[in-house]
Amino acid sequence: MNRLSTLGALIAGAILLAAFYGTAFGDRDEGINIEINDEEGVRHVVSGDKGSFALKKDGLDLEASWRGDYELTDEGDDLAALDHKLTITREQNGRDEKVVFERDDDEVESVYYLDGDKQDENPETAAAKKALLIAFLEASGAKAEERVAILLRDGGAEAVLEKIDGMYSDHARLRYVTELTKQATLSSGETTSLLKSLKNIEGDHDLRVALDALLQHDGIGADEMPAFLDAAARLESDYDLRRLIESISEQDLDDDAIGLAIGLMQRIESDHDLRRASEALLEQDNLSADAAARLLNTISDRIEGDHDLRLILSDTTSYLAEGPEVAAAWMSAFNALSSDHDQRLALEEAAGVDNLSAATRRDLIAASEKIASDHDRRLALEAYANLLDDDALKAAYRAAAAGIDSESDRKRTLEAAGLDN
């Protein structure tokens, strides 16, 4: 395999290999993982029964190519079985190594080369072969399930965490994190250590999937949630932030954790993702009025589209009966709407809430004066026609109706409330 000495070669190599495998193996599964930074990077391509891996970083040039599957020994540092062939090369500190594993009947034969010269079989050569195999496995994340099981058996979660800390590739870290959370129940301290180790993951997708693996398999306790959300704050992609907030919302969160999750939402720019994240948090059974107010203040500041904002307002109308602070936050978000249609729909939804205070009903009726369309204002006000149980509410209703230019719509609005005399 040619050395990947430049960024262009790294990209071109991945594209060419992907194209070749797609042609040669048709619809077989393909996997491509590329991480690039200047002239350093990682490439991992698998298609059908062939694969290749290349890592170039910090003076290390590690490559592998294989055909067919292979199995590790119980110790995880050698091959117990091999379908066809596996070749691994490593250049580092002026030292050029290569090991070639090949199937010979039911056995696995291997040859080790140092600086281009074939080496005799001896304990030193055997150790070098194993070291090179392990270097490939840990750099690529290949056989992560088996390797993590062995590390847990021999050294517990601490041994796996140590390996994760020293890995070069986000993809490999993700594989080991996922397997660790599947295979072990982590203590609070081990979970915190794992969260700290995730600082080395640069890709949003891999970081989000790693955090999600922790949520799905071990869960996050109240003591660990701040560290979890601190790690999540490194995500930059709106999509990954939203997906993670949706996963977080499936946990039983206390008020502090909900507040931190809402803080994550403030990093999201997309209206759609903000709405989806909000909807997920609103599923929390113990969402307090204070947290709901903060959520509403966040979305009113950040969501620009009337449709997405109105959908959140419709989902939060029940909080209008939870106290003046959250009602004020709802009204503030409502005031950010500019569409007559969406304003009307939001007010109609709010009118159906039980136990609204007279002050809140008065504010909602007065808010209809923002609606410029005679038709939409009439429909919005008619939703409150049966809720006018004091003179102040009737006065607010009349004032809002007076702004309807159409005599027909204005008359119908007043008739609905019995105020046409």
Protein backbone atom coordinates (compact mmCIF):
# COMPACT_ATOMS: atom_id res chain seq x y z
CA MET A 1 0.00 0.00 0.00
CA ASN A 2 1.32 3.47 -0.85
CA ARG A 3 2.14 5.79 1.99
CA LEU A 4 -0.40 8.55 2.63
CA SER A 5 2.05 11.42 2.64
CA THR A 6 -0.30 14.27 1.75
CA LEU A 7 -3.82 15.37 2.46
CA GLY A 8 -4.72 15.05 -1.22
CA ALA A 9 -3.55 11.44 -1.27
CA LEU A 10 -5.58 10.69 1.83
CA ILE A 11 -8.79 12.02 0.32
CA ALA A 12 -8.20 10.58 -3.13
CA GLY A 13 -7.29 7.18 -1.72
CA ALA A 14 -10.53 6.95 0.23
CA ILE A 15 -12.63 7.97 -2.76
CA LEU A 16 -10.91 5.57 -5.15
CA LEU A 17 -11.13 2.65 -2.74
CA ALA A 18 -14.80 3.34 -2.07
CA ALA A 19 -15.51 3.46 -5.80
CA PHE A 20 -13.55 0.25 -6.41
CA TYR A 21 -15.30 -1.66 -3.65
CA GLY A 22 -18.71 -0.42 -4.73
CA THR A 23 -18.08 -1.70 -8.26
CA ALA A 24 -16.50 -4.97 -7.23
CA PHE A 25 -18.94 -6.03 -4.55
CA GLY A 26 -22.22 -4.42 -5.64
CA ASP A 27 -24.66 -3.94 -2.79
CA ARG A 28 -22.50 -5.38 -0.02
CA ASP A 29 -22.10 -3.29 3.12
CA GLU A 30 -19.66 -0.44 2.81
CA GLY A 31 -18.13 1.57 5.63
CA ILE A 32 -15.98 4.66 5.24
CA ASN A 33 -14.57 6.65 8.14
CA ILE A 34 -12.26 9.58 7.40
CA GLU A 35 -10.80 12.07 9.85
CA ILE A 36 -8.51 14.70 8.37
CA ASN A 37 -6.47 17.56 9.78
CA ASP A 38 -3.87 19.13 7.48
CA GLU A 39 -1.58 16.28 6.36
CA GLU A 40 -2.52 14.02 9.26
CA GLY A 41 -5.56 11.84 9.44
CA VAL A 42 -7.27 8.48 9.66
CA ARG A 43 -8.89 6.47 6.88
CA HIS A 44 -10.89 3.31 7.48
CA VAL A 45 -12.63 1.66 4.51
CA VAL A 46 -14.49 -1.66 4.62
CA SER A 47 -16.46 -3.21 1.79
CA GLY A 48 -17.48 -6.80 1.39
CA ASP A 49 -14.66 -9.04 2.59
CA LYS A 50 -11.93 -6.44 2.01
CA GLY A 51 -10.75 -3.57 4.14
CA SER A 52 -7.98 -1.05 4.62
CA PHE A 53 -6.90 1.26 7.39
CA ALA A 54 -4.37 4.10 7.49
CA LEU A 55 -3.37 6.45 10.29
CA LYS A 56 -0.80 9.22 10.00
CA LYS A 57 -0.29 11.32 13.13
CA ASP A 58 2.49 12.67 15.33
CA GLY A 59 5.21 10.93 13.33
CA LEU A 60 3.34 7.62 13.28
CA ASP A 61 2.40 6.02 9.94
CA LEU A 62 0.31 2.89 10.57
CA GLU A 63 -1.44 0.98 7.78
CA ALA A 64 -3.26 -2.31 7.39
CA SER A 65 -5.08 -4.19 4.66
CA TRP A 66 -6.99 -7.44 4.88
CA ARG A 67 -9.23 -9.83 3.08
CA GLY A 68 -11.72 -11.96 4.96
CA ASP A 69 -12.49 -12.08 8.66
CA TYR A 70 -10.09 -13.02 11.44
CA GLU A 71 -10.42 -14.16 15.05
CA LEU A 72 -8.33 -13.26 18.07
CA THR A 73 -6.89 -15.64 20.61
CA ASP A 74 -8.25 -15.65 24.16
CA GLU A 75 -5.49 -13.25 25.13
CA GLY A 76 -6.45 -10.85 22.33
CA ASP A 77 -2.88 -10.29 21.15
CA ASP A 78 -2.62 -12.82 18.32
CA LEU A 79 -4.76 -14.40 15.59
CA ALA A 80 -6.47 -17.70 16.27
CA ALA A 81 -8.03 -17.98 12.79
CA LEU A 82 -7.90 -16.12 9.50
CA ASP A 83 -9.92 -16.41 6.29
CA HIS A 84 -7.25 -15.10 3.92
CA LYS A 85 -4.63 -12.45 4.73
CA LEU A 86 -3.88 -9.50 7.02
CA THR A 87 -0.92 -7.15 6.53
CA ILE A 88 0.10 -4.44 9.00
CA THR A 89 2.91 -1.89 8.58
CA ARG A 90 4.21 0.78 10.93
CA GLU A 91 6.79 3.53 10.47
CA GLN A 92 7.81 5.49 13.56
CA ASN A 93 11.04 7.03 14.84
CA GLY A 94 13.00 5.73 11.81
CA ARG A 95 11.84 2.16 12.42
CA ASP A 96 9.96 0.36 9.61
CA GLU A 97 7.98 -2.75 10.67
CA LYS A 98 5.66 -5.11 8.85
CA VAL A 99 3.82 -8.28 9.81
CA VAL A 100 1.98 -10.50 7.33
CA PHE A 101 -0.57 -13.02 8.61
CA GLU A 102 -1.74 -15.67 6.13
CA ARG A 103 -3.91 -18.74 6.32
CA ASP A 104 -2.12 -22.06 5.88
CA ASP A 105 -4.76 -24.83 5.86
CA ASP A 106 -6.36 -24.44 9.30
CA GLU A 107 -3.40 -22.62 10.80
CA VAL A 108 -2.29 -18.98 10.77
CA GLU A 109 1.25 -18.34 9.59
CA SER A 110 2.95 -15.01 10.20
CA VAL A 111 6.16 -13.31 9.05
CA TYR A 112 7.74 -10.20 10.61
CA TYR A 113 9.94 -7.71 8.74
CA LEU A 114 12.13 -5.01 10.25
CA ASP A 115 13.46 -2.26 7.95
CA GLY A 116 12.62 -4.49 4.98
CA ASP A 117 14.44 -7.58 6.27
CA LYS A 118 12.62 -10.78 7.19
CA GLN A 119 13.30 -11.68 10.82
CA ASP A 120 13.97 -15.10 12.26
CA GLU A 121 11.40 -16.64 14.58
CA ASN A 122 12.33 -15.95 18.21
CA PRO A 123 10.65 -14.55 21.36
CA GLU A 124 11.56 -10.98 20.39
CA THR A 125 10.01 -11.36 16.95
CA ALA A 126 6.89 -12.98 18.43
CA ALA A 127 6.48 -10.04 20.83
CA ALA A 128 6.94 -7.54 17.97
CA LYS A 129 4.19 -9.25 15.94
CA LYS A 130 1.78 -9.05 18.85
CA ALA A 131 2.64 -5.42 19.53
CA LEU A 132 2.01 -4.51 15.90
CA LEU A 133 -1.32 -6.35 15.85
CA ILE A 134 -2.48 -4.64 19.05
CA ALA A 135 -1.37 -1.26 17.68
CA PHE A 136 -3.61 -1.78 14.64
CA LEU A 137 -6.57 -3.06 16.66
CA GLU A 138 -6.47 -0.14 19.08
CA ALA A 139 -5.85 2.50 16.41
CA SER A 140 -8.70 1.29 14.20
CA GLY A 141 -11.20 0.05 16.79
CA ALA A 142 -11.31 -3.30 14.98
CA LYS A 143 -12.49 -6.23 17.13
CA ALA A 144 -13.45 -3.75 19.85
CA GLU A 145 -16.01 -6.13 21.34
CA GLU A 146 -13.39 -8.83 21.94
CA ARG A 147 -10.64 -6.43 23.03
CA VAL A 148 -12.86 -4.65 25.56
CA ALA A 149 -14.04 -7.97 26.98
CA ILE A 150 -10.42 -9.04 27.47
CA LEU A 151 -9.41 -5.71 29.03
CA LEU A 152 -12.36 -5.88 31.43
CA ARG A 153 -11.46 -9.44 32.35
CA ASP A 154 -7.82 -8.63 33.03
CA GLY A 155 -7.93 -5.06 34.35
CA GLY A 156 -11.52 -3.93 34.78
CA ALA A 157 -13.04 -0.70 33.48
CA GLU A 158 -9.91 1.21 34.45
CA ALA A 159 -7.90 -0.71 31.84
CA VAL A 160 -10.41 0.17 29.12
CA LEU A 161 -10.48 3.83 30.19
CA GLU A 162 -6.70 3.93 29.97
CA LYS A 163 -6.81 2.59 26.41
CA ILE A 164 -9.49 5.12 25.40
CA ASP A 165 -7.35 7.97 26.71
CA GLY A 166 -4.43 6.94 24.51
CA MET A 167 -6.27 6.38 21.23
CA TYR A 168 -5.59 8.41 18.09
CA SER A 169 -8.93 8.09 16.29
CA ASP A 170 -12.44 9.30 17.21
CA HIS A 171 -13.85 6.21 15.51
CA ALA A 172 -11.76 3.86 17.66
CA ARG A 173 -12.63 5.76 20.85
CA LEU A 174 -16.30 5.53 19.98
CA ARG A 175 -16.08 1.77 19.41
CA TYR A 176 -14.41 1.22 22.78
CA VAL A 177 -16.77 3.60 24.63
CA THR A 178 -19.79 1.85 23.14
CA GLU A 179 -18.50 -1.61 24.04
CA LEU A 180 -17.50 -0.51 27.53
CA THR A 181 -20.99 0.81 28.26
CA LYS A 182 -22.53 -2.37 26.85
CA GLN A 183 -20.32 -4.81 28.72
CA ALA A 184 -19.79 -3.15 32.10
CA THR A 185 -21.83 -1.34 34.73
CA LEU A 186 -19.71 1.69 35.57
CA SER A 187 -19.43 3.25 38.98
CA SER A 188 -20.08 6.97 39.36
CA GLY A 189 -16.33 7.62 39.46
CA GLU A 190 -15.72 5.51 36.34
CA THR A 191 -18.52 7.31 34.51
CA THR A 192 -17.00 10.67 35.42
CA SER A 193 -13.57 9.48 34.22
CA LEU A 194 -15.08 8.29 30.94
CA LEU A 195 -16.81 11.65 30.45
CA LYS A 196 -13.51 13.44 30.97
CA SER A 197 -11.81 11.19 28.43
CA LEU A 198 -14.38 12.18 25.80
CA LYS A 199 -12.68 15.58 25.58
CA ASN A 200 -10.37 13.96 23.05
CA ILE A 201 -13.23 13.22 20.63
CA GLU A 202 -13.37 16.02 18.07
CA GLY A 203 -16.16 14.91 15.73
CA ASP A 204 -19.71 15.93 16.74
CA HIS A 205 -21.28 12.70 15.51
CA ASP A 206 -18.86 10.45 17.39
CA LEU A 207 -19.10 12.55 20.57
CA ARG A 208 -22.89 12.53 20.47
CA VAL A 209 -23.06 8.76 19.87
CA ALA A 210 -20.57 8.15 22.71
CA LEU A 211 -22.63 10.28 25.11
CA ASP A 212 -25.80 8.57 23.94
CA ALA A 213 -24.24 5.16 24.62
CA LEU A 214 -23.69 6.21 28.24
CA LEU A 215 -27.31 7.34 28.52
CA GLN A 216 -28.74 4.19 26.99
CA HIS A 217 -26.66 1.60 28.84
CA ASP A 218 -25.61 3.06 32.19
CA GLY A 219 -27.83 6.09 32.63
CA ILE A 220 -26.58 9.30 34.15
CA GLY A 221 -27.20 10.09 37.80
CA ALA A 222 -27.81 13.54 39.22
CA ASP A 223 -24.18 13.77 40.42
CA GLU A 224 -22.84 12.91 36.97
CA MET A 225 -25.24 15.04 34.89
CA PRO A 226 -23.24 18.30 35.17
CA ALA A 227 -20.10 16.57 33.82
CA PHE A 228 -22.21 14.90 31.13
CA LEU A 229 -23.72 18.20 29.99
CA ASP A 230 -20.31 19.87 30.17
CA ALA A 231 -19.04 17.27 27.69
CA ALA A 232 -22.15 17.78 25.56
CA ALA A 233 -21.48 21.52 25.44
CA ARG A 234 -18.58 20.78 23.06
CA LEU A 235 -21.05 19.78 20.35
CA GLU A 236 -21.42 22.38 17.61
CA SER A 237 -23.85 20.70 15.20
CA ASP A 238 -27.51 21.69 15.70
CA TYR A 239 -28.59 18.21 14.67
CA ASP A 240 -26.32 16.43 17.15
CA LEU A 241 -27.21 18.83 19.97
CA ARG A 242 -30.90 18.26 19.33
CA ARG A 243 -30.55 14.48 19.10
CA LEU A 244 -28.62 14.41 22.37
CA ILE A 245 -31.18 16.61 24.15
CA GLU A 246 -33.87 14.19 22.96
CA SER A 247 -31.91 11.32 24.52
CA ILE A 248 -31.27 13.30 27.72
CA SER A 249 -35.00 14.00 27.96
CA GLU A 250 -35.70 10.28 28.17
CA GLN A 251 -33.93 10.32 31.56
CA ASP A 252 -35.64 11.30 34.81
CA LEU A 253 -34.13 14.77 35.25
CA ASP A 254 -34.16 17.03 38.27
CA ASP A 255 -34.72 20.77 37.92
CA ASP A 256 -30.98 21.55 37.81
CA ALA A 257 -30.38 19.05 35.01
CA ILE A 258 -33.35 20.38 33.06
CA GLY A 259 -31.87 23.86 33.44
CA LEU A 260 -28.53 22.65 32.09
CA ALA A 261 -30.26 20.93 29.16
CA ILE A 262 -32.08 24.17 28.36
CA GLY A 263 -28.68 25.85 28.47
CA LEU A 264 -27.53 23.44 25.75
CA MET A 265 -30.47 24.56 23.62
CA GLN A 266 -29.05 28.08 23.60
CA ARG A 267 -26.29 26.77 21.32
CA ILE A 268 -28.79 25.63 18.66
CA GLU A 269 -29.42 27.96 15.72
CA SER A 270 -31.95 26.00 13.65
CA ASP A 271 -35.64 26.69 14.36
CA HIS A 272 -36.55 23.10 13.58
CA ASP A 273 -33.96 21.61 15.93
CA LEU A 274 -34.84 24.12 18.67
CA ARG A 275 -38.48 23.12 18.44
CA ARG A 276 -37.71 19.40 18.46
CA ALA A 277 -35.41 19.80 21.48
CA SER A 278 -38.08 21.84 23.28
CA GLU A 279 -40.74 19.24 22.58
CA ALA A 280 -38.50 16.55 24.05
CA LEU A 281 -37.91 18.50 27.28
CA LEU A 282 -41.63 19.22 27.58
CA GLU A 283 -42.16 15.46 27.96
CA GLN A 284 -40.53 15.66 31.40
CA ASP A 285 -43.23 14.93 33.99
CA ASN A 286 -41.52 17.07 36.61
CA LEU A 287 -40.86 20.14 34.45
CA SER A 288 -41.37 22.99 36.91
CA ALA A 289 -43.01 26.31 36.13
CA ASP A 290 -39.61 28.01 36.51
CA ALA A 291 -38.01 25.62 34.01
CA ALA A 292 -40.94 26.06 31.62
CA ALA A 293 -40.52 29.84 31.87
CA ARG A 294 -36.81 29.53 31.08
CA LEU A 295 -37.59 27.25 28.15
CA LEU A 296 -40.14 29.72 26.77
CA ASN A 297 -37.75 32.64 27.20
CA THR A 298 -35.07 30.68 25.35
CA ILE A 299 -37.26 29.82 22.38
CA SER A 300 -38.78 33.30 22.11
CA ASP A 301 -35.27 34.72 21.88
CA ARG A 302 -33.97 32.15 19.39
CA ILE A 303 -36.79 30.79 17.19
CA GLU A 304 -37.45 33.10 14.27
CA GLY A 305 -40.07 31.12 12.31
CA ASP A 306 -43.70 31.65 13.34
CA HIS A 307 -44.72 28.07 12.62
CA ASP A 308 -42.12 26.44 14.89
CA LEU A 309 -42.67 29.01 17.64
CA ARG A 310 -46.44 28.61 17.54
CA LEU A 311 -46.17 24.82 17.83
CA ILE A 312 -44.17 25.26 21.04
CA LEU A 313 -46.70 27.77 22.35
CA SER A 314 -49.47 25.27 21.66
CA ASP A 315 -47.53 22.61 23.58
CA THR A 316 -47.06 24.91 26.59
CA THR A 317 -50.50 26.47 27.02
CA SER A 318 -51.08 24.42 30.20
CA TYR A 319 -48.31 26.42 31.90
CA LEU A 320 -50.44 29.58 31.58
CA ALA A 321 -52.27 28.32 34.68
CA GLU A 322 -49.04 27.68 36.63
CA GLY A 323 -48.38 31.22 37.82
CA PRO A 324 -47.63 34.76 36.65
CA GLU A 325 -43.94 34.19 35.83
CA VAL A 326 -44.46 31.38 33.34
CA ALA A 327 -47.60 33.09 31.97
CA ALA A 328 -45.50 36.21 31.33
CA ALA A 329 -42.88 34.08 29.54
CA TRP A 330 -45.60 32.55 27.37
CA MET A 331 -46.96 35.99 26.49
CA SER A 332 -43.44 37.20 25.68
CA ALA A 333 -42.99 34.29 23.28
CA PHE A 334 -46.42 35.01 21.78
CA ASN A 335 -45.41 38.61 21.16
CA ALA A 336 -42.57 37.33 18.96
CA LEU A 337 -45.13 35.94 16.49
CA SER A 338 -45.88 38.06 13.44
CA SER A 339 -48.29 35.82 11.50
CA ASP A 340 -52.02 36.54 12.03
CA HIS A 341 -52.81 32.88 11.43
CA ASP A 342 -50.30 31.60 14.01
CA GLN A 343 -51.31 34.26 16.54
CA ARG A 344 -54.93 33.22 16.23
CA LEU A 345 -54.18 29.50 16.57
CA ALA A 346 -52.04 30.09 19.68
CA LEU A 347 -54.75 32.18 21.36
CA GLU A 348 -57.43 29.60 20.50
CA GLU A 349 -55.29 26.86 22.11
CA ALA A 350 -54.74 29.01 25.21
CA ALA A 351 -58.48 29.62 25.62
CA GLY A 352 -59.01 25.91 26.23
CA VAL A 353 -56.82 25.79 29.35
CA ASP A 354 -58.68 25.22 32.63
CA ASN A 355 -58.19 27.43 35.69
CA LEU A 356 -56.74 30.44 33.91
CA SER A 357 -56.60 33.45 36.20
CA ALA A 358 -58.66 36.51 35.29
CA ALA A 359 -55.43 38.47 34.78
CA THR A 360 -54.09 35.88 32.31
CA ARG A 361 -57.40 35.77 30.42
CA ARG A 362 -57.34 39.55 30.20
CA ASP A 363 -53.78 39.51 28.82
CA LEU A 364 -54.71 36.89 26.23
CA ILE A 365 -57.75 38.85 25.08
CA ALA A 366 -55.67 42.03 24.86
CA ALA A 367 -53.01 40.12 22.90
CA SER A 368 -55.53 39.59 20.10
CA GLU A 369 -55.12 43.29 19.26
CA LYS A 370 -51.83 42.28 17.60
CA ILE A 371 -53.83 40.41 14.96
CA ALA A 372 -54.32 42.63 11.91
CA SER A 373 -56.66 40.31 10.03
CA ASP A 374 -60.34 40.95 10.86
CA HIS A 375 -61.21 37.30 10.28
CA ASP A 376 -58.41 35.90 12.48
CA ARG A 377 -59.01 38.42 15.27
CA ARG A 378 -62.73 37.58 15.29
CA LEU A 379 -62.03 33.84 15.59
CA ALA A 380 -59.44 34.40 18.33
CA LEU A 381 -61.81 36.56 20.39
CA GLU A 382 -64.76 34.23 19.95
CA ALA A 383 -62.70 31.54 21.71
CA TYR A 384 -62.94 33.74 24.86
CA ALA A 385 -66.61 34.72 24.47
CA ASN A 386 -67.72 32.39 27.27
CA LEU A 387 -64.87 33.32 29.65
CA LEU A 388 -65.93 36.92 30.40
CA ASP A 389 -66.98 36.66 34.03
CA ASP A 390 -66.08 40.20 35.19
CA ASP A 391 -66.36 43.74 33.88
CA ALA A 392 -62.62 44.10 33.24
CA LEU A 393 -62.66 41.07 30.91
CA LYS A 394 -65.70 42.40 29.07
CA ALA A 395 -64.03 45.78 28.66
CA ALA A 396 -60.87 44.13 27.28
CA TYR A 397 -63.01 42.09 24.86
CA ARG A 398 -64.88 45.18 23.63
CA ALA A 399 -61.62 47.09 23.16
CA ALA A 400 -60.12 44.27 21.07
CA ALA A 401 -63.33 43.93 19.03
CA ALA A 402 -63.39 47.68 18.39
CA GLY A 403 -60.20 47.33 16.34
CA ILE A 404 -61.91 45.06 13.78
CA ASP A 405 -62.47 47.15 10.67
CA SER A 406 -65.13 44.92 9.12
CA GLU A 407 -68.52 45.84 10.55
CA SER A 408 -69.81 42.33 9.92
CA ASP A 409 -66.89 40.62 11.72
CA ARG A 410 -67.01 43.16 14.57
CA LYS A 411 -70.75 42.59 15.07
CA ARG A 412 -70.37 38.80 15.03
CA THR A 413 -67.56 39.06 17.60
CA LEU A 414 -69.68 41.08 20.01
CA GLU A 415 -72.75 38.90 19.47
CA ALA A 416 -70.72 35.80 20.37
CA ALA A 417 -70.12 37.28 23.83
CA GLY A 418 -73.58 38.82 24.23
CA LEU A 419 -72.09 42.31 24.11
CA ASP A 420 -73.81 43.54 20.97
CA ASN A 421 -76.12 45.95 22.87
